[in-house]
Protein backbone atom coordinates (compact mmCIF):
# COMPACT_ATOMS: atom_id res chain seq x y z
CA UNK A 1 0.05 0.05 -0.31
CA UNK A 2 1.61 3.72 -1.17
CA UNK A 3 0.90 6.68 0.79
CA UNK A 4 1.64 10.05 0.11
CA UNK A 5 1.33 11.62 3.65
CA UNK A 6 1.43 15.22 2.53
CA UNK A 7 -0.85 14.59 -0.44
CA UNK A 8 -3.26 17.98 -0.59
CA UNK A 9 -1.52 19.45 2.66
CA UNK A 10 -2.23 22.91 2.49
CA UNK A 11 -0.16 24.78 5.69
CA UNK A 12 -2.09 28.30 6.54
CA UNK A 13 -0.36 30.13 8.69
CA UNK A 14 -1.33 33.37 11.15
CA UNK A 15 -0.74 34.89 14.11
CA UNK A 16 -1.68 34.07 17.52
CA UNK A 17 -2.05 36.00 20.55
CA UNK A 18 1.50 36.46 21.16
CA UNK A 19 2.45 37.40 18.24
CA UNK A 20 4.02 34.83 16.86
CA UNK A 21 3.41 33.04 13.60
CA UNK A 22 1.79 29.28 13.97
CA UNK A 23 0.42 27.31 11.37
CA UNK A 24 -3.38 27.87 11.31
CA UNK A 25 -4.31 24.53 9.92
CA UNK A 26 -3.45 21.99 9.92
CA UNK A 27 -3.56 23.78 13.83
CA UNK A 28 -1.12 21.25 15.71
CA UNK A 29 1.96 20.27 15.42
CA UNK A 30 4.08 18.90 18.45
CA UNK A 31 7.82 17.44 19.13
CA UNK A 32 7.76 13.89 18.96
CA UNK A 33 8.71 12.88 22.61
CA UNK A 34 5.11 15.21 23.02
CA UNK A 35 2.34 13.31 21.05
CA UNK A 36 -0.10 11.05 22.41
CA UNK A 37 -0.06 8.33 20.28
CA UNK A 38 -4.32 8.44 21.24
CA UNK A 39 -4.51 12.35 19.67
CA UNK A 40 -5.89 12.39 16.23
CA UNK A 41 -4.83 15.82 16.30
CA UNK A 42 -1.52 14.92 14.29
CA UNK A 43 -3.39 13.39 11.64
CA UNK A 44 -5.62 16.23 10.72
CA UNK A 45 -3.68 17.71 7.78
CA UNK A 46 -4.04 14.47 5.84
CA UNK A 47 -6.77 13.58 3.43
CA UNK A 48 -9.61 11.02 4.82
CA UNK A 49 -7.80 7.90 2.62
CA UNK A 50 -4.17 8.73 3.87
CA UNK A 51 -5.74 9.34 7.63
CA UNK A 52 -6.45 5.76 7.27
CA UNK A 53 -3.83 4.44 5.68
CA UNK A 54 -1.73 5.71 8.81
CA UNK A 55 -4.02 4.75 11.47
CA UNK A 56 -3.73 1.43 10.19
CA UNK A 57 0.30 2.02 11.46
CA UNK A 58 -1.19 2.94 14.33
CA UNK A 59 -3.62 -0.34 15.02
CA UNK A 60 -0.30 -2.23 14.76
CA UNK A 61 2.06 0.20 17.04
CA UNK A 62 3.74 2.09 14.69
CA UNK A 63 2.72 6.17 15.29
CA UNK A 64 3.56 8.54 12.56
CA UNK A 65 4.45 12.28 14.06
CA UNK A 66 5.30 15.49 12.36
CA UNK A 67 7.76 18.42 13.44
CA UNK A 68 8.65 21.41 11.66
CA UNK A 69 11.86 22.95 10.94
CA UNK A 70 13.26 25.34 11.85
CA UNK A 71 10.78 25.10 15.00
CA UNK A 72 11.66 27.92 17.77
CA UNK A 73 13.01 30.56 15.02
CA UNK A 74 10.84 33.12 14.28
CA UNK A 75 9.39 33.08 11.06
CA UNK A 76 8.23 35.48 8.60
CA UNK A 77 6.24 35.72 5.72
CA UNK A 78 8.28 34.43 2.27
CA UNK A 79 10.18 31.84 4.94
CA UNK A 80 10.68 28.38 3.50
CA UNK A 81 9.84 25.73 6.43
CA UNK A 82 10.61 22.03 6.10
CA UNK A 83 8.01 19.31 7.70
CA UNK A 84 9.48 15.73 8.64
CA UNK A 85 7.82 12.93 9.27
CA UNK A 86 8.91 10.67 12.27
CA UNK A 87 7.86 7.12 13.67
CA UNK A 88 7.39 5.59 16.95
CA UNK A 89 7.22 1.88 16.90
CA UNK A 90 7.03 0.22 19.75
CA UNK A 91 8.06 -2.79 18.46
CA UNK A 92 11.63 -1.29 17.87
CA UNK A 93 13.89 -1.84 20.31
CA UNK A 94 16.02 1.64 20.75
CA UNK A 95 12.95 4.31 21.73
CA UNK A 96 15.13 6.88 20.45
CA UNK A 97 13.13 8.24 17.02
CA UNK A 98 16.51 9.18 15.65
CA UNK A 99 17.51 5.55 15.33
CA UNK A 100 15.10 5.49 12.91
CA UNK A 101 16.75 7.53 9.54
CA UNK A 102 14.32 9.32 8.01
CA UNK A 103 15.96 8.12 4.69
CA UNK A 104 15.24 5.03 5.65
CA UNK A 105 11.91 5.73 7.06
CA UNK A 106 9.96 4.42 3.67
CA UNK A 107 11.63 0.98 3.80
CA UNK A 108 11.91 0.26 7.03
CA UNK A 109 7.40 0.90 7.29
CA UNK A 110 7.71 -1.45 4.02
CA UNK A 111 9.18 -4.08 5.24
CA UNK A 112 7.38 -4.29 8.71
CA UNK A 113 3.94 -3.05 7.99
CA UNK A 114 3.16 -3.33 4.21
CA UNK A 115 2.87 0.49 3.69
CA UNK A 116 5.01 2.30 1.67
CA UNK A 117 5.30 6.37 1.62
CA UNK A 118 6.21 7.81 -1.18
CA UNK A 119 7.76 11.05 0.47
CA UNK A 120 8.90 11.74 4.34
CA UNK A 121 9.56 15.32 4.02
CA UNK A 122 7.81 18.63 2.36
CA UNK A 123 9.21 21.90 2.49
CA UNK A 124 6.32 24.92 1.70
CA UNK A 125 6.53 28.82 2.01
CA UNK A 126 5.14 30.73 4.69
CA UNK A 127 1.82 32.67 4.07
CA UNK A 128 0.16 34.70 6.45
CA UNK A 129 -3.54 34.54 6.37
CA UNK A 130 -4.70 36.47 9.73
CA UNK A 131 -8.41 36.52 10.13
CA UNK A 132 -8.87 40.59 10.44
CA UNK A 133 -9.92 41.75 13.63
CA UNK A 134 -13.76 42.59 13.87
CA UNK A 135 -13.03 46.36 14.54
CA UNK A 136 -9.58 48.33 15.02
CA UNK A 137 -9.97 50.42 18.62
CA UNK A 138 -7.53 53.75 18.41
CA UNK A 139 -6.54 54.58 21.43
CA UNK A 140 -4.94 57.97 22.82
CA UNK A 141 -2.18 56.96 25.31
CA UNK A 142 -2.20 60.35 26.40
CA UNK A 143 -5.89 60.94 26.66
CA UNK A 144 -6.47 62.39 30.34
CA UNK A 145 -2.72 61.99 31.67
CA UNK A 146 -0.96 65.31 32.87
CA UNK A 147 2.62 64.84 34.43
CA UNK A 148 2.77 66.13 37.70
CA UNK A 149 6.43 67.44 38.99
CA UNK A 150 7.15 68.18 42.18
CA UNK A 151 10.51 69.85 43.56
CA UNK A 152 13.51 67.77 45.53
CA UNK A 153 15.33 70.97 46.70
CA UNK A 154 17.37 70.94 43.63
CA UNK A 155 15.35 69.95 40.49
CA UNK A 156 11.80 68.81 39.40
CA UNK A 157 11.01 65.47 38.95
CA UNK A 158 7.48 63.48 37.92
CA UNK A 159 6.29 61.61 40.45
CA UNK A 160 3.12 60.31 39.15
CA UNK A 161 2.41 57.18 37.14
CA UNK A 162 2.40 56.71 33.37
CA UNK A 163 -0.45 57.58 30.88
CA UNK A 164 -2.43 54.68 30.62
CA UNK A 165 -1.16 52.09 32.65
CA UNK A 166 -3.80 49.47 31.75
CA UNK A 167 -3.13 49.64 27.85
CA UNK A 168 -0.93 46.44 27.61
CA UNK A 169 -4.14 44.80 28.86
CA UNK A 170 -5.52 45.39 25.27
CA UNK A 171 -2.29 43.73 23.54
CA UNK A 172 -3.87 40.26 25.89
CA UNK A 173 -0.06 38.83 25.70
CA UNK A 174 2.88 37.96 28.32
CA UNK A 175 5.65 38.49 25.09
CA UNK A 176 4.71 42.28 23.78
CA UNK A 177 4.62 44.91 25.99
CA UNK A 178 4.36 49.05 25.33
CA UNK A 179 6.23 50.66 27.47
CA UNK A 180 6.80 55.00 28.00
CA UNK A 181 10.54 56.67 28.29
CA UNK A 182 10.63 60.42 28.90
CA UNK A 183 13.44 62.68 28.01
CA UNK A 184 14.35 66.23 27.94
CA UNK A 185 12.87 67.43 24.36
CA UNK A 186 16.15 69.62 24.14
CA UNK A 187 17.81 66.81 25.18
CA UNK A 188 19.49 67.63 27.96
CA UNK A 189 19.54 64.65 30.95
CA UNK A 190 16.32 64.35 33.18
CA UNK A 191 18.79 65.87 36.16
CA UNK A 192 18.61 68.78 34.89
CA UNK A 193 14.69 68.81 34.68
CA UNK A 194 13.59 72.49 35.36
CA UNK A 195 10.93 74.14 35.06
CA UNK A 196 10.00 75.66 31.15
CA UNK A 197 11.65 73.20 30.34
CA UNK A 198 9.68 70.48 27.75
CA UNK A 199 9.47 66.80 28.29
CA UNK A 200 8.83 63.93 25.59
CA UNK A 201 6.92 61.38 26.43
CA UNK A 202 7.39 58.38 23.78
CA UNK A 203 6.19 55.00 23.35
CA UNK A 204 7.88 52.36 22.43
CA UNK A 205 6.70 48.36 21.59
CA UNK A 206 8.87 45.92 23.29
CA UNK A 207 8.52 42.58 21.30
CA UNK A 208 11.16 39.36 21.29
CA UNK A 209 13.95 41.46 21.98
CA UNK A 210 12.97 44.43 19.42
CA UNK A 211 12.13 47.52 20.44
CA UNK A 212 9.53 49.65 18.04
CA UNK A 213 8.99 53.50 18.40
CA UNK A 214 7.35 56.20 16.07
CA UNK A 215 5.52 54.73 13.85
CA UNK A 216 6.39 51.53 13.69
CA UNK A 217 4.59 50.92 16.47
CA UNK A 218 1.43 51.15 14.81
CA UNK A 219 3.20 49.67 11.47
CA UNK A 220 3.87 46.28 14.00
CA UNK A 221 0.79 46.12 15.34
CA UNK A 222 -1.13 45.91 12.53
CA UNK A 223 1.44 43.20 11.49
CA UNK A 224 0.71 41.23 14.56
CA UNK A 225 -2.76 40.93 13.86
CA UNK A 226 -3.70 43.10 17.01
CA UNK A 227 -6.83 45.16 17.46
CA UNK A 228 -5.98 48.44 19.18
CA UNK A 229 -3.76 51.75 16.81
CA UNK A 230 -2.52 54.23 19.06
CA UNK A 231 -3.50 57.62 17.74
CA UNK A 232 -0.02 59.20 19.12
CA UNK A 233 2.97 57.60 20.05
CA UNK A 234 4.64 61.15 20.99
CA UNK A 235 3.58 64.07 23.44
CA UNK A 236 5.13 67.02 24.65
CA UNK A 237 4.40 68.48 28.02
CA UNK A 238 5.54 71.69 29.72
CA UNK A 239 7.42 71.36 32.93
CA UNK A 240 5.01 73.17 35.81
CA UNK A 241 5.08 72.21 39.11
CA UNK A 242 1.73 71.90 40.97
CA UNK A 243 2.65 74.66 42.99
CA UNK A 244 4.81 78.22 42.59
CA UNK A 245 7.20 79.07 44.86
CA UNK A 246 7.12 82.99 45.97
CA UNK A 247 3.38 83.18 47.44
CA UNK A 248 1.99 83.88 50.39
CA UNK A 249 -1.28 84.53 52.08
CA UNK A 250 -4.50 85.52 50.27
CA UNK A 251 -3.21 89.42 51.34
CA UNK A 252 0.35 89.22 49.97
CA UNK A 253 1.32 90.88 46.64
CA UNK A 254 3.04 88.12 44.55
CA UNK A 255 6.87 88.69 45.61
CA UNK A 256 7.02 87.82 41.18
CA UNK A 257 4.80 90.56 40.07
CA UNK A 258 6.59 93.12 36.72
CA UNK A 259 7.34 96.63 37.79
CA UNK A 260 4.79 99.24 36.97
CA UNK A 261 7.84 100.58 35.62
CA UNK A 262 9.71 97.57 34.15
CA UNK A 263 11.81 97.73 31.38
CA UNK A 264 14.91 95.70 29.99
CA UNK A 265 18.05 96.33 31.53
CA UNK A 266 20.39 93.87 30.83
CA UNK A 267 21.78 93.81 27.49
CA UNK A 268 23.78 90.67 27.46
CA UNK A 269 21.07 87.66 28.44
CA UNK A 270 23.09 84.65 27.29
CA UNK A 271 25.04 85.77 30.51
CA UNK A 272 23.23 83.40 33.16
CA UNK A 273 21.03 80.64 32.01
CA UNK A 274 17.53 79.43 33.87
CA UNK A 275 19.81 76.51 34.90
CA UNK A 276 22.60 79.20 36.60
CA UNK A 277 20.08 81.03 38.33
CA UNK A 278 18.76 78.52 39.98
CA UNK A 279 21.69 78.00 42.63
CA UNK A 280 20.29 81.06 44.09
CA UNK A 281 18.68 80.39 47.19
CA UNK A 282 17.38 83.12 49.85
CA UNK A 283 14.67 84.45 52.63
CA UNK A 284 11.23 85.52 51.79
CA UNK A 285 12.44 89.18 51.47
CA UNK A 286 14.81 88.38 49.09
CA UNK A 287 13.09 86.90 46.30
CA UNK A 288 12.45 89.96 44.24
CA UNK A 289 15.93 90.14 43.26
CA UNK A 290 15.57 86.81 42.51
CA UNK A 291 12.51 86.90 40.10
CA UNK A 292 14.31 89.79 38.47
CA UNK A 293 17.10 88.31 37.39
CA UNK A 294 15.00 85.40 35.72
CA UNK A 295 12.65 87.80 33.95
CA UNK A 296 16.13 90.02 32.70
CA UNK A 297 17.88 86.87 31.39
CA UNK A 298 15.53 84.25 30.66
CA UNK A 299 12.56 86.36 28.89
CA UNK A 300 9.68 85.09 30.77
CA UNK A 301 6.96 87.14 30.21
CA UNK A 302 3.92 84.90 32.02
CA UNK A 303 4.95 86.78 35.62
CA UNK A 304 2.22 83.94 37.11
CA UNK A 305 5.12 81.49 36.33
CA UNK A 306 8.08 82.88 37.48
CA UNK A 307 8.23 81.41 41.18
CA UNK A 308 8.51 78.18 39.53
CA UNK A 309 12.20 78.82 37.87
CA UNK A 310 13.47 79.52 41.87
CA UNK A 311 13.34 78.57 45.16
CA UNK A 312 13.94 80.27 48.40
CA UNK A 313 14.05 78.53 51.24
CA UNK A 314 13.61 80.92 54.31
CA UNK A 315 17.19 82.72 55.94
CA UNK A 316 17.83 79.81 57.67
CA UNK A 317 17.56 76.88 55.44
CA UNK A 318 19.22 78.96 52.57
CA UNK A 319 22.37 79.53 55.19
CA UNK A 320 22.21 75.34 55.80
CA UNK A 321 21.97 74.56 51.79
CA UNK A 322 24.92 76.83 51.13
CA UNK A 323 26.96 76.01 53.98
CA UNK A 324 25.89 71.63 53.89
CA UNK A 325 26.58 71.93 50.27
CA UNK A 326 23.23 70.61 50.18
CA UNK A 327 21.31 70.96 46.85
CA UNK A 328 23.65 72.61 44.86
CA UNK A 329 23.01 75.39 45.86
CA UNK A 330 26.10 78.52 45.49
CA UNK A 331 25.12 81.35 46.54
CA UNK A 332 22.29 83.29 48.74
CA UNK A 333 20.82 86.16 48.69
CA UNK A 334 19.62 86.89 52.63
CA UNK A 335 20.16 89.29 55.82
CA UNK A 336 23.70 88.43 57.98
CA UNK A 337 24.47 85.52 59.30
CA UNK A 338 23.12 84.60 62.90
CA UNK A 339 25.49 83.46 65.50
CA UNK A 340 24.36 79.96 65.00
CA UNK A 341 25.10 80.04 61.39
CA UNK A 342 28.57 81.36 62.34
CA UNK A 343 29.26 78.52 64.20
CA UNK A 344 27.87 76.08 61.50
CA UNK A 345 30.34 76.97 58.50
CA UNK A 346 32.67 77.36 61.24
CA UNK A 347 32.29 73.27 62.30
CA UNK A 348 32.12 72.25 58.85
CA UNK A 349 35.30 74.44 58.00
CA UNK A 350 34.06 76.28 55.33
CA UNK A 351 34.24 80.42 54.42
CA UNK A 352 31.01 82.57 54.28
CA UNK A 353 32.55 84.84 51.49
CA UNK A 354 29.66 87.86 52.64
CA UNK A 355 28.76 91.22 50.59
CA UNK A 356 25.99 93.61 50.58
CA UNK A 357 24.03 94.06 47.46
CA UNK A 358 20.92 95.94 48.48
CA UNK A 359 20.02 97.83 51.15
CA UNK A 360 16.76 98.16 53.89
CA UNK A 361 15.21 99.53 56.64
CA UNK A 362 14.52 97.19 59.79
CA UNK A 363 11.19 98.60 61.09
CA UNK A 364 8.92 98.35 63.90
CA UNK A 365 4.89 98.23 63.64
CA UNK A 366 2.01 98.79 65.11
CA UNK A 367 -1.47 98.81 64.43
CA UNK A 368 -2.81 102.42 62.47
CA UNK A 369 -4.89 103.39 65.25
CA UNK A 370 -1.96 103.49 68.13
CA UNK A 371 -1.07 107.22 68.28
CA UNK A 372 2.80 106.42 69.29
CA UNK A 373 4.49 107.76 65.79
CA UNK A 374 8.70 107.38 66.86
CA UNK A 375 10.26 105.36 69.57
CA UNK A 376 14.01 105.39 70.45
CA UNK A 377 15.91 102.20 70.36
CA UNK A 378 15.99 102.61 73.85
CA UNK A 379 12.65 102.76 74.35
CA UNK A 380 12.47 99.51 71.56
CA UNK A 381 14.91 97.78 73.87
CA UNK A 382 13.33 98.11 77.20
CA UNK A 383 10.22 97.18 75.63
CA UNK A 384 11.05 94.20 74.64
CA UNK A 385 13.11 93.37 77.88
CA UNK A 386 10.16 93.80 79.64
CA UNK A 387 11.35 97.13 81.31
CA UNK A 388 8.36 99.53 79.27
CA UNK A 389 5.26 97.37 79.31
CA UNK A 390 2.53 100.29 79.09
CA UNK A 391 2.17 102.35 76.22
CA UNK A 392 1.43 105.17 78.00
CA UNK A 393 5.19 105.02 79.33
CA UNK A 394 5.97 106.31 75.98
CA UNK A 395 3.24 108.75 75.17
CA UNK A 396 0.68 106.46 74.13
CA UNK A 397 -2.63 105.21 75.62
CA UNK A 398 -2.83 103.59 79.15
CA UNK A 399 -2.96 100.03 77.28
CA UNK A 400 -0.46 96.83 77.97
CA UNK A 401 2.08 96.25 75.56
CA UNK A 402 1.98 93.15 72.94
CA UNK A 403 5.61 92.40 71.50
CA UNK A 404 6.09 89.75 69.46
CA UNK A 405 9.38 88.02 68.36
CA UNK A 406 10.12 85.98 64.93
CA UNK A 407 11.33 82.39 65.43
CA UNK A 408 14.98 81.63 65.97
CA UNK A 409 17.66 82.08 63.30
CA UNK A 410 14.88 83.47 61.05
CA UNK A 411 16.64 86.81 58.80
CA UNK A 412 14.58 89.01 61.08
CA UNK A 413 15.68 87.76 64.12
CA UNK A 414 18.69 87.78 63.56
CA UNK A 415 18.63 91.62 62.46
CA UNK A 416 16.63 92.28 65.80
CA UNK A 417 18.72 90.60 68.15
CA UNK A 418 22.21 91.84 66.29
CA UNK A 419 20.81 95.86 65.79
CA UNK A 420 18.16 96.17 68.58
CA UNK A 421 19.28 93.89 71.61
CA UNK A 422 22.61 93.29 71.26
CA UNK A 423 22.72 90.98 74.17
CA UNK A 424 19.99 92.23 75.98
CA UNK A 425 18.01 89.39 77.08
CA UNK A 426 14.46 89.19 74.95
CA UNK A 427 11.23 89.26 77.11
CA UNK A 428 8.45 87.13 76.09
CA UNK A 429 4.91 88.20 76.83
CA UNK A 430 2.46 85.88 78.72
CA UNK A 431 -0.04 86.03 75.48
CA UNK A 432 2.91 85.66 72.77
CA UNK A 433 4.37 81.88 75.18
CA UNK A 434 2.77 79.76 72.46
CA UNK A 435 2.80 82.53 69.37
CA UNK A 436 6.44 82.26 67.86
CA UNK A 437 5.94 83.31 64.59
CA UNK A 438 7.31 81.65 61.55
CA UNK A 439 6.60 84.02 58.74
CA UNK A 440 6.92 87.70 58.43
CA UNK A 441 3.50 87.79 56.95
CA UNK A 442 2.22 86.05 59.92
CA UNK A 443 3.74 88.42 62.54
CA UNK A 444 2.09 91.39 60.18
CA UNK A 445 -1.31 89.60 60.74
CA UNK A 446 -1.17 89.36 64.37
CA UNK A 447 0.19 92.97 65.04
CA UNK A 448 -2.55 94.37 63.14
CA UNK A 449 -5.85 92.04 64.30
CA UNK A 450 -4.76 91.65 68.29
CA UNK A 451 -8.08 91.87 70.27
CA UNK A 452 -9.21 94.54 67.70
CA UNK A 453 -7.11 96.59 68.91
CA UNK A 454 -3.87 99.14 69.25
CA UNK A 455 -1.53 97.27 72.06
CA UNK A 456 0.52 95.02 69.72
CA UNK A 457 4.31 95.85 68.36
CA UNK A 458 5.76 94.00 66.27
CA UNK A 459 8.87 94.08 63.52
CA UNK A 460 9.56 93.42 59.98
CA UNK A 461 11.69 94.82 56.96
CA UNK A 462 10.47 97.77 55.40
CA UNK A 463 10.76 96.46 51.67
CA UNK A 464 8.77 93.20 52.25
CA UNK A 465 5.79 95.10 54.31
CA UNK A 466 5.44 97.94 51.55
CA UNK A 467 5.99 95.63 48.59
CA UNK A 468 5.20 91.82 49.88
CA UNK A 469 2.56 92.10 52.53
CA UNK A 470 0.85 95.49 52.57
CA UNK A 471 -1.82 95.67 55.26
CA UNK A 472 -3.53 98.76 55.96
CA UNK A 473 -4.64 98.42 59.36
CA UNK A 474 -0.43 98.51 60.13
CA UNK A 475 1.94 101.13 60.34
CA UNK A 476 5.45 101.78 60.50
CA UNK A 477 7.30 103.75 64.27
CA UNK A 478 9.71 106.14 62.74
CA UNK A 479 13.11 105.18 65.16
CA UNK A 480 14.01 108.65 66.63
CA UNK A 481 12.06 110.55 64.56
CA UNK A 482 13.55 109.33 61.10
CA UNK A 483 11.11 107.24 58.57
CA UNK A 484 13.66 104.14 56.63
CA UNK A 485 13.29 105.71 53.18
CA UNK A 486 16.08 105.06 50.40
CA UNK A 487 17.45 108.78 51.02
CA UNK A 488 17.93 108.25 54.78
CA UNK A 489 19.27 104.66 54.14
CA UNK A 490 21.78 105.38 51.47
CA UNK A 491 23.11 108.34 53.65
CA UNK A 492 22.87 106.22 57.25
CA UNK A 493 20.33 108.32 59.14
CA UNK A 494 17.76 105.52 59.79
CA UNK A 495 19.34 104.14 62.89
CA UNK A 496 18.11 100.57 62.01
CA UNK A 497 19.23 100.06 58.28
CA UNK A 498 20.48 97.03 57.42
CA UNK A 499 20.83 95.27 54.05
CA UNK A 500 20.77 92.08 51.95
CA UNK A 501 23.63 90.29 50.89
CA UNK A 502 24.87 88.16 48.77
CA UNK A 503 26.45 85.05 50.47
CA UNK A 504 28.64 82.61 49.09
CA UNK A 505 31.38 80.06 49.59
CA UNK A 506 35.00 80.90 49.66
CA UNK A 507 36.72 78.37 46.52
CA UNK A 508 33.15 78.09 45.68
CA UNK A 509 30.86 77.78 42.67
CA UNK A 510 32.78 80.33 39.65
CA UNK A 511 29.14 81.08 38.43
CA UNK A 512 27.69 82.22 42.23
CA UNK A 513 30.85 84.48 41.90
CA UNK A 514 30.40 85.61 38.74
CA UNK A 515 26.16 86.12 39.58
CA UNK A 516 27.72 88.21 43.03
CA UNK A 517 30.19 90.07 40.54
CA UNK A 518 26.59 91.18 38.36
CA UNK A 519 24.72 92.18 41.21
CA UNK A 520 27.23 94.56 42.33
CA UNK A 521 27.47 95.81 39.13
CA UNK A 522 26.13 98.76 37.49
CA UNK A 523 23.68 97.00 35.75
CA UNK A 524 22.86 94.82 38.38
CA UNK A 525 22.59 97.89 40.69
CA UNK A 526 19.88 99.44 38.61
CA UNK A 527 18.18 96.29 38.19
CA UNK A 528 18.20 96.40 41.64
CA UNK A 529 16.43 99.33 42.30
CA UNK A 530 14.08 98.20 39.72
CA UNK A 531 13.49 95.47 41.77
CA UNK A 532 11.88 98.06 44.47
CA UNK A 533 15.41 98.04 46.87
CA UNK A 534 17.67 100.41 47.65
CA UNK A 535 20.90 99.93 46.01
CA UNK A 536 24.16 99.96 48.37
CA UNK A 537 25.40 103.07 46.24
């Protein structure tokens, strides 16, 4: 009996759910060692007469198996594959199929079973015939997604999940995956991520060790017969944090607002980049200086966003960042260092270079209805040491004086202790023992609202009061009858003339020294005056 085991065999290929190219019909081929002799699936590719002929062999204990070569390589359209027949003969003494050589298979079957095979191999070219999906789903992988940026002290970083994290479920295969990569659109590293940058989200398809990006993602999804397509594979996002530094309470004027008389001062705007200026730290009161640096050098038009380009961490934290070399802060704009901050510098073997860049008046404030217009330094010192306790003792109403102080190592507290108290112990009023104010805005608010009366007194910097935290219920007390206007600051007649300093480390950042040199230059002093401060010259 002669049998052509491949007669009429029509091998059709298609992609399975994992993207592999496999036989669509006949639908099952297995390695010989996995063949179950009772399983008729191995015969389905044969015509009925041939099946009956091979079943006769099976009934006699000889099972025919078929395998493909190559077996494990990835197939593609047009490849040539070869199918081989093997036998598993229960009467053959050696169980190894390889012992019955393919070239002797036909003769072996004829001698032992009376069945002659006309051929034992067949070559065929791969032709893929996928059944197209019933419906293609077009998906925007970025729909509804906005990256959230946070600030870690030096640079911004993205802390929320990637867009469409569930998208891979639609691929329905562990062998392929869509992943997201994020890069700076300008080509810089992610460690340089900063406000105003643009980040690019890119989607790539991973499949069998290969990556597909851009238009190739959808081409590959179509080739793999998947039912989804991406409407876009890249998207650009602007780096915008969830907050903007430099804003305070609802009563605070934005410290980053553009002056009404603003004009462009700087001619060489390439001198400093936003990455240089982000290394500035400082106090609350000097935020407008850094804001003006950003505006002049970085061409930022939207003032509501300018605070995102830098971060002032208040005086004590700024000194700590500089001295301990945290977050790459190379220059800070602050008031003079406190004893604690000088001790910290000494402990860490660093020397501070402290140069004044702007003048300000340290002022004492009270409620607008308080009739006292002026105090001497001795009177103020006596009030804060507990010697003077009633406003009537300094020409005011017969009311108890409620003196407020700031938190230790704040810029205003350091100025108060150095310029006013000069070593005299500070008396803490019982009503303020639990109210050590942590912000200048908070102190001004307390002075303005304490029991809706005229008893309280506090202190701040004149610039902060007039430009950052205006309060109609507050007035400034003159010192020895002298007001803290710019003329009196420049000629030194105002007794509590203070300064804002550019502080760097000796032997520190060269770029930080260049920023300090600029602030002390003619253009820099003009810029400081434009920002509302009194220049040092």
